[in-house]
Full PDB file with SEQRES, HELIX, SHEET, SSBOND, CRYST1, ORIGX, SCALE, CONECT and MASTER records, all heavy atoms in Angstrom:
SEQRES   1 A   41  PHE CYS HIS SER ASN VAL ILE ASN HIS PHE PHE CYS ASP          
SEQRES   2 A   41  ILE PRO ALA LEU LEU VAL LEU SER CYS SER ASP ILE ASN          
SEQRES   3 A   41  THR ASN GLU ILE VAL LEU PHE THR LEU ALA ALA LEU THR          
SEQRES   4 A   41  VAL LEU                                                      
HELIX    1 AA1 ILE A   14  LEU A   18  1                                   5    
HELIX    2 AA2 ASN A   26  VAL A   40  1                                  15    
SSBOND   1 CYS A    2    CYS A   22                          1555   1555  1.82  
CRYST1    1.000    1.000    1.000  90.00  90.00  90.00 P 1           1          
ORIGX1      1.000000  0.000000  0.000000        0.00000                         
ORIGX2      0.000000  1.000000  0.000000        0.00000                         
ORIGX3      0.000000  0.000000  1.000000        0.00000                         
SCALE1      1.000000  0.000000  0.000000        0.00000                         
SCALE2      0.000000  1.000000  0.000000        0.00000                         
SCALE3      0.000000  0.000000  1.000000        0.00000                         
ATOM      1  N   PHE A   1      13.048  39.345  -8.419  1.00  0.00           N  
ATOM      2  CA  PHE A   1      12.868  38.052  -7.771  1.00  0.00           C  
ATOM      3  C   PHE A   1      14.234  37.430  -7.525  1.00  0.00           C  
ATOM      4  O   PHE A   1      14.777  36.748  -8.404  1.00  0.00           O  
ATOM      5  CB  PHE A   1      11.999  37.129  -8.632  1.00  0.00           C  
ATOM      6  CG  PHE A   1      10.609  37.655  -8.875  1.00  0.00           C  
ATOM      7  CD1 PHE A   1      10.282  38.217 -10.095  1.00  0.00           C  
ATOM      8  CD2 PHE A   1       9.660  37.635  -7.883  1.00  0.00           C  
ATOM      9  CE1 PHE A   1       9.011  38.712 -10.345  1.00  0.00           C  
ATOM     10  CE2 PHE A   1       8.380  38.137  -8.092  1.00  0.00           C  
ATOM     11  CZ  PHE A   1       8.049  38.677  -9.328  1.00  0.00           C  
ATOM     12  N   CYS A   2      14.780  37.677  -6.342  1.00  0.00           N  
ATOM     13  CA  CYS A   2      16.120  37.163  -6.067  1.00  0.00           C  
ATOM     14  C   CYS A   2      16.153  36.302  -4.796  1.00  0.00           C  
ATOM     15  O   CYS A   2      17.201  35.731  -4.469  1.00  0.00           O  
ATOM     16  CB  CYS A   2      17.101  38.319  -5.929  1.00  0.00           C  
ATOM     17  SG  CYS A   2      16.614  39.587  -4.746  1.00  0.00           S  
ATOM     18  N   HIS A   3      15.033  36.173  -4.094  1.00  0.00           N  
ATOM     19  CA  HIS A   3      15.013  35.344  -2.900  1.00  0.00           C  
ATOM     20  C   HIS A   3      14.889  33.870  -3.261  1.00  0.00           C  
ATOM     21  O   HIS A   3      15.639  33.034  -2.803  1.00  0.00           O  
ATOM     22  CB  HIS A   3      13.850  35.736  -1.987  1.00  0.00           C  
ATOM     23  CG  HIS A   3      14.067  37.046  -1.258  1.00  0.00           C  
ATOM     24  ND1 HIS A   3      13.062  37.756  -0.689  1.00  0.00           N  
ATOM     25  CD2 HIS A   3      15.201  37.740  -1.023  1.00  0.00           C  
ATOM     26  CE1 HIS A   3      13.554  38.864  -0.130  1.00  0.00           C  
ATOM     27  NE2 HIS A   3      14.853  38.868  -0.324  1.00  0.00           N  
ATOM     28  N   SER A   4      13.938  33.572  -4.105  1.00  0.00           N  
ATOM     29  CA  SER A   4      13.671  32.193  -4.514  1.00  0.00           C  
ATOM     30  C   SER A   4      12.801  32.215  -5.755  1.00  0.00           C  
ATOM     31  O   SER A   4      12.194  33.227  -6.089  1.00  0.00           O  
ATOM     32  CB  SER A   4      12.944  31.452  -3.384  1.00  0.00           C  
ATOM     33  OG  SER A   4      12.531  30.185  -3.814  1.00  0.00           O  
ATOM     34  N   ASN A   5      12.774  31.101  -6.469  1.00  0.00           N  
ATOM     35  CA  ASN A   5      11.885  30.978  -7.620  1.00  0.00           C  
ATOM     36  C   ASN A   5      10.810  29.917  -7.363  1.00  0.00           C  
ATOM     37  O   ASN A   5      10.164  29.430  -8.304  1.00  0.00           O  
ATOM     38  CB  ASN A   5      12.667  30.647  -8.889  1.00  0.00           C  
ATOM     39  CG  ASN A   5      13.267  29.273  -8.864  1.00  0.00           C  
ATOM     40  OD1 ASN A   5      13.516  28.692  -7.802  1.00  0.00           O  
ATOM     41  ND2 ASN A   5      13.512  28.710 -10.050  1.00  0.00           N  
ATOM     42  N   VAL A   6      10.664  29.521  -6.100  1.00  0.00           N  
ATOM     43  CA  VAL A   6       9.686  28.487  -5.732  1.00  0.00           C  
ATOM     44  C   VAL A   6       8.394  29.177  -5.270  1.00  0.00           C  
ATOM     45  O   VAL A   6       8.372  29.861  -4.255  1.00  0.00           O  
ATOM     46  CB  VAL A   6      10.221  27.555  -4.631  1.00  0.00           C  
ATOM     47  CG1 VAL A   6       9.160  26.534  -4.253  1.00  0.00           C  
ATOM     48  CG2 VAL A   6      11.508  26.888  -5.073  1.00  0.00           C  
ATOM     49  N   ILE A   7       7.323  29.008  -6.058  1.00  0.00           N  
ATOM     50  CA  ILE A   7       6.041  29.613  -5.753  1.00  0.00           C  
ATOM     51  C   ILE A   7       5.214  28.644  -4.934  1.00  0.00           C  
ATOM     52  O   ILE A   7       4.877  27.547  -5.398  1.00  0.00           O  
ATOM     53  CB  ILE A   7       5.272  29.977  -7.050  1.00  0.00           C  
ATOM     54  CG1 ILE A   7       6.117  30.965  -7.891  1.00  0.00           C  
ATOM     55  CG2 ILE A   7       3.917  30.574  -6.737  1.00  0.00           C  
ATOM     56  CD1 ILE A   7       5.496  31.274  -9.246  1.00  0.00           C  
ATOM     57  N   ASN A   8       4.870  29.034  -3.731  1.00  0.00           N  
ATOM     58  CA  ASN A   8       4.081  28.173  -2.852  1.00  0.00           C  
ATOM     59  C   ASN A   8       2.593  28.254  -3.199  1.00  0.00           C  
ATOM     60  O   ASN A   8       1.765  28.744  -2.447  1.00  0.00           O  
ATOM     61  CB  ASN A   8       4.296  28.558  -1.385  1.00  0.00           C  
ATOM     62  CG  ASN A   8       3.670  27.563  -0.425  1.00  0.00           C  
ATOM     63  OD1 ASN A   8       3.319  26.446  -0.816  1.00  0.00           O  
ATOM     64  ND2 ASN A   8       3.484  27.965   0.826  1.00  0.00           N  
ATOM     65  N   HIS A   9       2.297  27.804  -4.399  1.00  0.00           N  
ATOM     66  CA  HIS A   9       0.929  27.817  -4.901  1.00  0.00           C  
ATOM     67  C   HIS A   9       0.855  26.850  -6.079  1.00  0.00           C  
ATOM     68  O   HIS A   9       1.880  26.340  -6.521  1.00  0.00           O  
ATOM     69  CB  HIS A   9       0.536  29.239  -5.343  1.00  0.00           C  
ATOM     70  CG  HIS A   9      -0.917  29.556  -5.065  1.00  0.00           C  
ATOM     71  ND1 HIS A   9      -1.943  28.698  -5.361  1.00  0.00           N  
ATOM     72  CD2 HIS A   9      -1.501  30.672  -4.543  1.00  0.00           C  
ATOM     73  CE1 HIS A   9      -3.091  29.247  -5.005  1.00  0.00           C  
ATOM     74  NE2 HIS A   9      -2.857  30.460  -4.499  1.00  0.00           N  
ATOM     75  N   PHE A  10      -0.373  26.645  -6.626  1.00  0.00           N  
ATOM     76  CA  PHE A  10      -0.486  25.782  -7.794  1.00  0.00           C  
ATOM     77  C   PHE A  10      -0.614  26.566  -9.089  1.00  0.00           C  
ATOM     78  O   PHE A  10      -0.750  25.990 -10.160  1.00  0.00           O  
ATOM     79  CB  PHE A  10      -1.642  24.775  -7.651  1.00  0.00           C  
ATOM     80  CG  PHE A  10      -3.002  25.421  -7.433  1.00  0.00           C  
ATOM     81  CD1 PHE A  10      -3.768  25.821  -8.513  1.00  0.00           C  
ATOM     82  CD2 PHE A  10      -3.522  25.596  -6.167  1.00  0.00           C  
ATOM     83  CE1 PHE A  10      -5.022  26.388  -8.334  1.00  0.00           C  
ATOM     84  CE2 PHE A  10      -4.767  26.150  -5.966  1.00  0.00           C  
ATOM     85  CZ  PHE A  10      -5.529  26.554  -7.045  1.00  0.00           C  
ATOM     86  N   PHE A  11      -0.602  27.909  -8.996  1.00  0.00           N  
ATOM     87  CA  PHE A  11      -0.544  28.753 -10.185  1.00  0.00           C  
ATOM     88  C   PHE A  11       0.096  30.097  -9.817  1.00  0.00           C  
ATOM     89  O   PHE A  11       0.346  30.361  -8.647  1.00  0.00           O  
ATOM     90  CB  PHE A  11      -1.917  28.948 -10.813  1.00  0.00           C  
ATOM     91  CG  PHE A  11      -2.843  29.857 -10.049  1.00  0.00           C  
ATOM     92  CD1 PHE A  11      -3.089  31.145 -10.491  1.00  0.00           C  
ATOM     93  CD2 PHE A  11      -3.513  29.418  -8.907  1.00  0.00           C  
ATOM     94  CE1 PHE A  11      -3.957  31.988  -9.809  1.00  0.00           C  
ATOM     95  CE2 PHE A  11      -4.379  30.234  -8.219  1.00  0.00           C  
ATOM     96  CZ  PHE A  11      -4.602  31.520  -8.668  1.00  0.00           C  
ATOM     97  N   CYS A  12       0.378  30.893 -10.823  1.00  0.00           N  
ATOM     98  CA  CYS A  12       1.076  32.149 -10.601  1.00  0.00           C  
ATOM     99  C   CYS A  12       0.093  33.233 -10.144  1.00  0.00           C  
ATOM    100  O   CYS A  12      -0.378  34.054 -10.939  1.00  0.00           O  
ATOM    101  CB  CYS A  12       1.782  32.597 -11.894  1.00  0.00           C  
ATOM    102  SG  CYS A  12       3.159  31.538 -12.369  1.00  0.00           S  
ATOM    103  N   ASP A  13      -0.202  33.211  -8.857  1.00  0.00           N  
ATOM    104  CA  ASP A  13      -1.106  34.187  -8.274  1.00  0.00           C  
ATOM    105  C   ASP A  13      -0.291  35.349  -7.717  1.00  0.00           C  
ATOM    106  O   ASP A  13       0.894  35.172  -7.353  1.00  0.00           O  
ATOM    107  CB  ASP A  13      -1.924  33.528  -7.161  1.00  0.00           C  
ATOM    108  CG  ASP A  13      -3.182  34.316  -6.853  1.00  0.00           C  
ATOM    109  OD1 ASP A  13      -3.519  35.238  -7.647  1.00  0.00           O  
ATOM    110  OD2 ASP A  13      -3.844  34.014  -5.853  1.00  0.00           O  
ATOM    111  N   ILE A  14      -0.894  36.508  -7.643  1.00  0.00           N  
ATOM    112  CA  ILE A  14      -0.157  37.710  -7.272  1.00  0.00           C  
ATOM    113  C   ILE A  14       0.436  37.638  -5.873  1.00  0.00           C  
ATOM    114  O   ILE A  14       1.644  37.866  -5.708  1.00  0.00           O  
ATOM    115  CB  ILE A  14      -1.051  38.958  -7.418  1.00  0.00           C  
ATOM    116  CG1 ILE A  14      -1.528  39.090  -8.869  1.00  0.00           C  
ATOM    117  CG2 ILE A  14      -0.299  40.233  -7.005  1.00  0.00           C  
ATOM    118  CD1 ILE A  14      -2.609  40.129  -9.064  1.00  0.00           C  
ATOM    119  N   PRO A  15      -0.347  37.329  -4.814  1.00  0.00           N  
ATOM    120  CA  PRO A  15       0.235  37.300  -3.460  1.00  0.00           C  
ATOM    121  C   PRO A  15       1.383  36.287  -3.332  1.00  0.00           C  
ATOM    122  O   PRO A  15       2.360  36.548  -2.620  1.00  0.00           O  
ATOM    123  CB  PRO A  15      -0.955  36.878  -2.577  1.00  0.00           C  
ATOM    124  CG  PRO A  15      -2.160  37.303  -3.342  1.00  0.00           C  
ATOM    125  CD  PRO A  15      -1.815  37.084  -4.779  1.00  0.00           C  
ATOM    126  N   ALA A  16       1.263  35.150  -4.025  1.00  0.00           N  
ATOM    127  CA  ALA A  16       2.306  34.138  -3.956  1.00  0.00           C  
ATOM    128  C   ALA A  16       3.616  34.615  -4.556  1.00  0.00           C  
ATOM    129  O   ALA A  16       4.696  34.225  -4.104  1.00  0.00           O  
ATOM    130  CB  ALA A  16       1.835  32.853  -4.662  1.00  0.00           C  
ATOM    131  N   LEU A  17       3.529  35.458  -5.569  1.00  0.00           N  
ATOM    132  CA  LEU A  17       4.736  36.007  -6.197  1.00  0.00           C  
ATOM    133  C   LEU A  17       5.324  37.175  -5.404  1.00  0.00           C  
ATOM    134  O   LEU A  17       6.547  37.364  -5.374  1.00  0.00           O  
ATOM    135  CB  LEU A  17       4.436  36.451  -7.638  1.00  0.00           C  
ATOM    136  CG  LEU A  17       4.506  35.348  -8.677  1.00  0.00           C  
ATOM    137  CD1 LEU A  17       3.838  35.786  -9.966  1.00  0.00           C  
ATOM    138  CD2 LEU A  17       5.947  34.947  -8.955  1.00  0.00           C  
ATOM    139  N   LEU A  18       4.468  37.941  -4.757  1.00  0.00           N  
ATOM    140  CA  LEU A  18       4.954  39.105  -3.999  1.00  0.00           C  
ATOM    141  C   LEU A  18       5.902  38.671  -2.890  1.00  0.00           C  
ATOM    142  O   LEU A  18       6.887  39.373  -2.595  1.00  0.00           O  
ATOM    143  CB  LEU A  18       3.787  39.886  -3.399  1.00  0.00           C  
ATOM    144  CG  LEU A  18       2.880  40.634  -4.384  1.00  0.00           C  
ATOM    145  CD1 LEU A  18       1.819  41.432  -3.621  1.00  0.00           C  
ATOM    146  CD2 LEU A  18       3.697  41.555  -5.301  1.00  0.00           C  
ATOM    147  N   VAL A  19       5.650  37.528  -2.257  1.00  0.00           N  
ATOM    148  CA  VAL A  19       6.488  37.098  -1.145  1.00  0.00           C  
ATOM    149  C   VAL A  19       7.865  36.643  -1.619  1.00  0.00           C  
ATOM    150  O   VAL A  19       8.786  36.488  -0.796  1.00  0.00           O  
ATOM    151  CB  VAL A  19       5.814  35.946  -0.335  1.00  0.00           C  
ATOM    152  CG1 VAL A  19       4.496  36.417   0.245  1.00  0.00           C  
ATOM    153  CG2 VAL A  19       5.616  34.703  -1.186  1.00  0.00           C  
ATOM    154  N   LEU A  20       8.037  36.420  -2.904  1.00  0.00           N  
ATOM    155  CA  LEU A  20       9.334  35.998  -3.449  1.00  0.00           C  
ATOM    156  C   LEU A  20      10.243  37.195  -3.768  1.00  0.00           C  
ATOM    157  O   LEU A  20      11.444  37.005  -3.994  1.00  0.00           O  
ATOM    158  CB  LEU A  20       9.159  35.178  -4.734  1.00  0.00           C  
ATOM    159  CG  LEU A  20       8.339  33.894  -4.637  1.00  0.00           C  
ATOM    160  CD1 LEU A  20       8.324  33.191  -5.992  1.00  0.00           C  
ATOM    161  CD2 LEU A  20       8.901  32.962  -3.573  1.00  0.00           C  
ATOM    162  N   SER A  21       9.679  38.386  -3.798  1.00  0.00           N  
ATOM    163  CA  SER A  21      10.453  39.534  -4.252  1.00  0.00           C  
ATOM    164  C   SER A  21      11.345  40.082  -3.142  1.00  0.00           C  
ATOM    165  O   SER A  21      11.006  40.077  -1.964  1.00  0.00           O  
ATOM    166  CB  SER A  21       9.491  40.632  -4.718  1.00  0.00           C  
ATOM    167  OG  SER A  21      10.204  41.784  -5.075  1.00  0.00           O  
ATOM    168  N   CYS A  22      12.535  40.542  -3.585  1.00  0.00           N  
ATOM    169  CA  CYS A  22      13.422  41.227  -2.663  1.00  0.00           C  
ATOM    170  C   CYS A  22      13.298  42.739  -2.829  1.00  0.00           C  
ATOM    171  O   CYS A  22      14.074  43.492  -2.241  1.00  0.00           O  
ATOM    172  CB  CYS A  22      14.872  40.790  -2.889  1.00  0.00           C  
ATOM    173  SG  CYS A  22      15.412  40.947  -4.603  1.00  0.00           S  
ATOM    174  N   SER A  23      12.324  43.179  -3.653  1.00  0.00           N  
ATOM    175  CA  SER A  23      12.048  44.604  -3.807  1.00  0.00           C  
ATOM    176  C   SER A  23      11.054  45.048  -2.743  1.00  0.00           C  
ATOM    177  O   SER A  23      10.455  44.229  -2.029  1.00  0.00           O  
ATOM    178  CB  SER A  23      11.446  44.877  -5.188  1.00  0.00           C  
ATOM    179  OG  SER A  23      12.270  44.385  -6.215  1.00  0.00           O  
ATOM    180  N   ASP A  24      10.869  46.343  -2.647  1.00  0.00           N  
ATOM    181  CA  ASP A  24       9.851  46.896  -1.761  1.00  0.00           C  
ATOM    182  C   ASP A  24       8.496  46.663  -2.421  1.00  0.00           C  
ATOM    183  O   ASP A  24       8.229  47.168  -3.511  1.00  0.00           O  
ATOM    184  CB  ASP A  24      10.107  48.393  -1.580  1.00  0.00           C  
ATOM    185  CG  ASP A  24       9.124  49.025  -0.593  1.00  0.00           C  
ATOM    186  OD1 ASP A  24       8.237  48.303  -0.096  1.00  0.00           O  
ATOM    187  OD2 ASP A  24       9.244  50.234  -0.343  1.00  0.00           O  
ATOM    188  N   ILE A  25       7.617  45.900  -1.764  1.00  0.00           N  
ATOM    189  CA  ILE A  25       6.334  45.553  -2.350  1.00  0.00           C  
ATOM    190  C   ILE A  25       5.186  46.380  -1.801  1.00  0.00           C  
ATOM    191  O   ILE A  25       4.021  46.076  -2.045  1.00  0.00           O  
ATOM    192  CB  ILE A  25       6.018  44.046  -2.153  1.00  0.00           C  
ATOM    193  CG1 ILE A  25       5.921  43.702  -0.676  1.00  0.00           C  
ATOM    194  CG2 ILE A  25       7.057  43.189  -2.860  1.00  0.00           C  
ATOM    195  CD1 ILE A  25       5.419  42.297  -0.398  1.00  0.00           C  
ATOM    196  N   ASN A  26       5.495  47.428  -1.035  1.00  0.00           N  
ATOM    197  CA  ASN A  26       4.443  48.260  -0.456  1.00  0.00           C  
ATOM    198  C   ASN A  26       3.545  48.849  -1.552  1.00  0.00           C  
ATOM    199  O   ASN A  26       2.299  48.857  -1.431  1.00  0.00           O  
ATOM    200  CB  ASN A  26       5.026  49.395   0.371  1.00  0.00           C  
ATOM    201  CG  ASN A  26       5.581  48.879   1.693  1.00  0.00           C  
ATOM    202  OD1 ASN A  26       5.115  47.876   2.226  1.00  0.00           O  
ATOM    203  ND2 ASN A  26       6.578  49.564   2.230  1.00  0.00           N  
ATOM    204  N   THR A  27       4.155  49.348  -2.623  1.00  0.00           N  
ATOM    205  CA  THR A  27       3.375  49.919  -3.724  1.00  0.00           C  
ATOM    206  C   THR A  27       2.499  48.866  -4.360  1.00  0.00           C  
ATOM    207  O   THR A  27       1.334  49.112  -4.677  1.00  0.00           O  
ATOM    208  CB  THR A  27       4.305  50.531  -4.783  1.00  0.00           C  
ATOM    209  OG1 THR A  27       5.121  51.548  -4.178  1.00  0.00           O  
ATOM    210  CG2 THR A  27       3.503  51.154  -5.913  1.00  0.00           C  
ATOM    211  N   ASN A  28       3.052  47.666  -4.555  1.00  0.00           N  
ATOM    212  CA  ASN A  28       2.281  46.571  -5.131  1.00  0.00           C  
ATOM    213  C   ASN A  28       1.082  46.211  -4.277  1.00  0.00           C  
ATOM    214  O   ASN A  28      -0.025  45.968  -4.789  1.00  0.00           O  
ATOM    215  CB  ASN A  28       3.168  45.332  -5.336  1.00  0.00           C  
ATOM    216  CG  ASN A  28       4.242  45.557  -6.372  1.00  0.00           C  
ATOM    217  OD1 ASN A  28       5.207  46.285  -6.127  1.00  0.00           O  
ATOM    218  ND2 ASN A  28       4.073  44.949  -7.529  1.00  0.00           N  
ATOM    219  N   GLU A  29       1.288  46.148  -2.979  1.00  0.00           N  
ATOM    220  CA  GLU A  29       0.185  45.826  -2.070  1.00  0.00           C  
ATOM    221  C   GLU A  29      -0.902  46.879  -2.106  1.00  0.00           C  
ATOM    222  O   GLU A  29      -2.085  46.566  -2.074  1.00  0.00           O  
ATOM    223  CB  GLU A  29       0.703  45.643  -0.636  1.00  0.00           C  
ATOM    224  CG  GLU A  29       1.531  44.379  -0.457  1.00  0.00           C  
ATOM    225  CD  GLU A  29       1.826  44.106   1.014  1.00  0.00           C  
ATOM    226  OE1 GLU A  29       1.952  45.093   1.774  1.00  0.00           O  
ATOM    227  OE2 GLU A  29       1.905  42.927   1.390  1.00  0.00           O  
ATOM    228  N   ILE A  30      -0.463  48.152  -2.200  1.00  0.00           N  
ATOM    229  CA  ILE A  30      -1.436  49.254  -2.258  1.00  0.00           C  
ATOM    230  C   ILE A  30      -2.235  49.158  -3.554  1.00  0.00           C  
ATOM    231  O   ILE A  30      -3.477  49.301  -3.550  1.00  0.00           O  
ATOM    232  CB  ILE A  30      -0.728  50.621  -2.161  1.00  0.00           C  
ATOM    233  CG1 ILE A  30      -0.127  50.798  -0.755  1.00  0.00           C  
ATOM    234  CG2 ILE A  30      -1.706  51.753  -2.473  1.00  0.00           C  
ATOM    235  CD1 ILE A  30       0.754  52.015  -0.617  1.00  0.00           C  
ATOM    236  N   VAL A  31      -1.538  48.908  -4.681  1.00  0.00           N  
ATOM    237  CA  VAL A  31      -2.219  48.795  -5.969  1.00  0.00           C  
ATOM    238  C   VAL A  31      -3.157  47.602  -5.978  1.00  0.00           C  
ATOM    239  O   VAL A  31      -4.312  47.698  -6.433  1.00  0.00           O  
ATOM    240  CB  VAL A  31      -1.175  48.658  -7.110  1.00  0.00           C  
ATOM    241  CG1 VAL A  31      -1.853  48.280  -8.432  1.00  0.00           C  
ATOM    242  CG2 VAL A  31      -0.390  49.952  -7.286  1.00  0.00           C  
ATOM    243  N   LEU A  32      -2.683  46.454  -5.484  1.00  0.00           N  
ATOM    244  CA  LEU A  32      -3.497  45.241  -5.434  1.00  0.00           C  
ATOM    245  C   LEU A  32      -4.757  45.481  -4.582  1.00  0.00           C  
ATOM    246  O   LEU A  32      -5.868  45.174  -5.015  1.00  0.00           O  
ATOM    247  CB  LEU A  32      -2.690  44.088  -4.859  1.00  0.00           C  
ATOM    248  CG  LEU A  32      -3.444  42.760  -4.639  1.00  0.00           C  
ATOM    249  CD1 LEU A  32      -3.973  42.213  -5.960  1.00  0.00           C  
ATOM    250  CD2 LEU A  32      -2.541  41.751  -3.949  1.00  0.00           C  
ATOM    251  N   PHE A  33      -4.560  46.029  -3.395  1.00  0.00           N  
ATOM    252  CA  PHE A  33      -5.675  46.262  -2.484  1.00  0.00           C  
ATOM    253  C   PHE A  33      -6.651  47.284  -3.060  1.00  0.00           C  
ATOM    254  O   PHE A  33      -7.867  47.076  -3.037  1.00  0.00           O  
ATOM    255  CB  PHE A  33      -5.163  46.755  -1.119  1.00  0.00           C  
ATOM    256  CG  PHE A  33      -6.256  46.994  -0.124  1.00  0.00           C  
ATOM    257  CD1 PHE A  33      -6.696  45.971   0.694  1.00  0.00           C  
ATOM    258  CD2 PHE A  33      -6.848  48.253  -0.004  1.00  0.00           C  
ATOM    259  CE1 PHE A  33      -7.728  46.193   1.635  1.00  0.00           C  
ATOM    260  CE2 PHE A  33      -7.853  48.487   0.928  1.00  0.00           C  
ATOM    261  CZ  PHE A  33      -8.295  47.446   1.735  1.00  0.00           C  
ATOM    262  N   THR A  34      -6.137  48.363  -3.627  1.00  0.00           N  
ATOM    263  CA  THR A  34      -6.984  49.436  -4.154  1.00  0.00           C  
ATOM    264  C   THR A  34      -7.827  48.967  -5.313  1.00  0.00           C  
ATOM    265  O   THR A  34      -9.055  49.172  -5.345  1.00  0.00           O  
ATOM    266  CB  THR A  34      -6.132  50.650  -4.579  1.00  0.00           C  
ATOM    267  OG1 THR A  34      -5.363  51.112  -3.474  1.00  0.00           O  
ATOM    268  CG2 THR A  34      -7.018  51.767  -5.096  1.00  0.00           C  
ATOM    269  N   LEU A  35      -7.200  48.310  -6.302  1.00  0.00           N  
ATOM    270  CA  LEU A  35      -7.933  47.860  -7.472  1.00  0.00           C  
ATOM    271  C   LEU A  35      -8.933  46.775  -7.094  1.00  0.00           C  
ATOM    272  O   LEU A  35     -10.075  46.777  -7.581  1.00  0.00           O  
ATOM    273  CB  LEU A  35      -6.962  47.334  -8.547  1.00  0.00           C  
ATOM    274  CG  LEU A  35      -6.103  48.388  -9.231  1.00  0.00           C  
ATOM    275  CD1 LEU A  35      -5.172  47.727 -10.256  1.00  0.00           C  
ATOM    276  CD2 LEU A  35      -6.983  49.427  -9.935  1.00  0.00           C  
ATOM    277  N   ALA A  36      -8.503  45.832  -6.251  1.00  0.00           N  
ATOM    278  CA  ALA A  36      -9.425  44.771  -5.837  1.00  0.00           C  
ATOM    279  C   ALA A  36     -10.585  45.349  -5.038  1.00  0.00           C  
ATOM    280  O   ALA A  36     -11.753  44.964  -5.237  1.00  0.00           O  
ATOM    281  CB  ALA A  36      -8.680  43.734  -5.004  1.00  0.00           C  
ATOM    282  N   ALA A  37     -10.287  46.285  -4.132  1.00  0.00           N  
ATOM    283  CA  ALA A  37     -11.334  46.883  -3.313  1.00  0.00           C  
ATOM    284  C   ALA A  37     -12.335  47.668  -4.155  1.00  0.00           C  
ATOM    285  O   ALA A  37     -13.558  47.551  -3.973  1.00  0.00           O  
ATOM    286  CB  ALA A  37     -10.724  47.792  -2.251  1.00  0.00           C  
ATOM    287  N   LEU A  38     -11.822  48.464  -5.106  1.00  0.00           N  
ATOM    288  CA  LEU A  38     -12.709  49.233  -5.972  1.00  0.00           C  
ATOM    289  C   LEU A  38     -13.599  48.336  -6.819  1.00  0.00           C  
ATOM    290  O   LEU A  38     -14.796  48.579  -6.982  1.00  0.00           O  
ATOM    291  CB  LEU A  38     -11.886  50.175  -6.885  1.00  0.00           C  
ATOM    292  CG  LEU A  38     -11.210  51.359  -6.195  1.00  0.00           C  
ATOM    293  CD1 LEU A  38     -10.316  52.116  -7.178  1.00  0.00           C  
ATOM    294  CD2 LEU A  38     -12.251  52.315  -5.601  1.00  0.00           C  
ATOM    295  N   THR A  39     -12.986  47.261  -7.344  1.00  0.00           N  
ATOM    296  CA  THR A  39     -13.747  46.322  -8.170  1.00  0.00           C  
ATOM    297  C   THR A  39     -14.841  45.631  -7.369  1.00  0.00           C  
ATOM    298  O   THR A  39     -15.998  45.581  -7.772  1.00  0.00           O  
ATOM    299  CB  THR A  39     -12.813  45.267  -8.789  1.00  0.00           C  
ATOM    300  OG1 THR A  39     -11.853  45.906  -9.638  1.00  0.00           O  
ATOM    301  CG2 THR A  39     -13.587  44.235  -9.602  1.00  0.00           C  
ATOM    302  N   VAL A  40     -14.438  45.122  -6.193  1.00  0.00           N  
ATOM    303  CA  VAL A  40     -15.398  44.391  -5.346  1.00  0.00           C  
ATOM    304  C   VAL A  40     -16.510  45.335  -4.836  1.00  0.00           C  
ATOM    305  O   VAL A  40     -17.694  44.984  -4.901  1.00  0.00           O  
ATOM    306  CB  VAL A  40     -14.671  43.725  -4.165  1.00  0.00           C  
ATOM    307  CG1 VAL A  40     -15.680  43.196  -3.147  1.00  0.00           C  
ATOM    308  CG2 VAL A  40     -13.777  42.597  -4.659  1.00  0.00           C  
ATOM    309  N   LEU A  41     -16.137  46.516  -4.383  1.00  0.00           N  
ATOM    310  CA  LEU A  41     -17.117  47.441  -3.845  1.00  0.00           C  
ATOM    311  C   LEU A  41     -18.105  47.898  -4.902  1.00  0.00           C  
ATOM    312  O   LEU A  41     -19.314  47.941  -4.675  1.00  0.00           O  
ATOM    313  CB  LEU A  41     -16.426  48.657  -3.198  1.00  0.00           C  
ATOM    314  CG  LEU A  41     -15.673  48.374  -1.892  1.00  0.00           C  
ATOM    315  CD1 LEU A  41     -14.923  49.624  -1.429  1.00  0.00           C  
ATOM    316  CD2 LEU A  41     -16.627  47.894  -0.800  1.00  0.00           C  
TER     317      LEU A  41                                                      
CONECT   17  173                                                                
CONECT  173   17                                                                
MASTER        0    0    0    2    0    0    0    6  316    1    2    4          
END                                                                             
């Protein structure tokens, strides 16, 4: 997290933190989508 430490949310939610990262978040998005999709489905 080197872009900013300001979370545009009222709690520490995953998508709100991902946009702050200067790392490659493709893996995170895949993991988030996969786990959420499997759980919901």
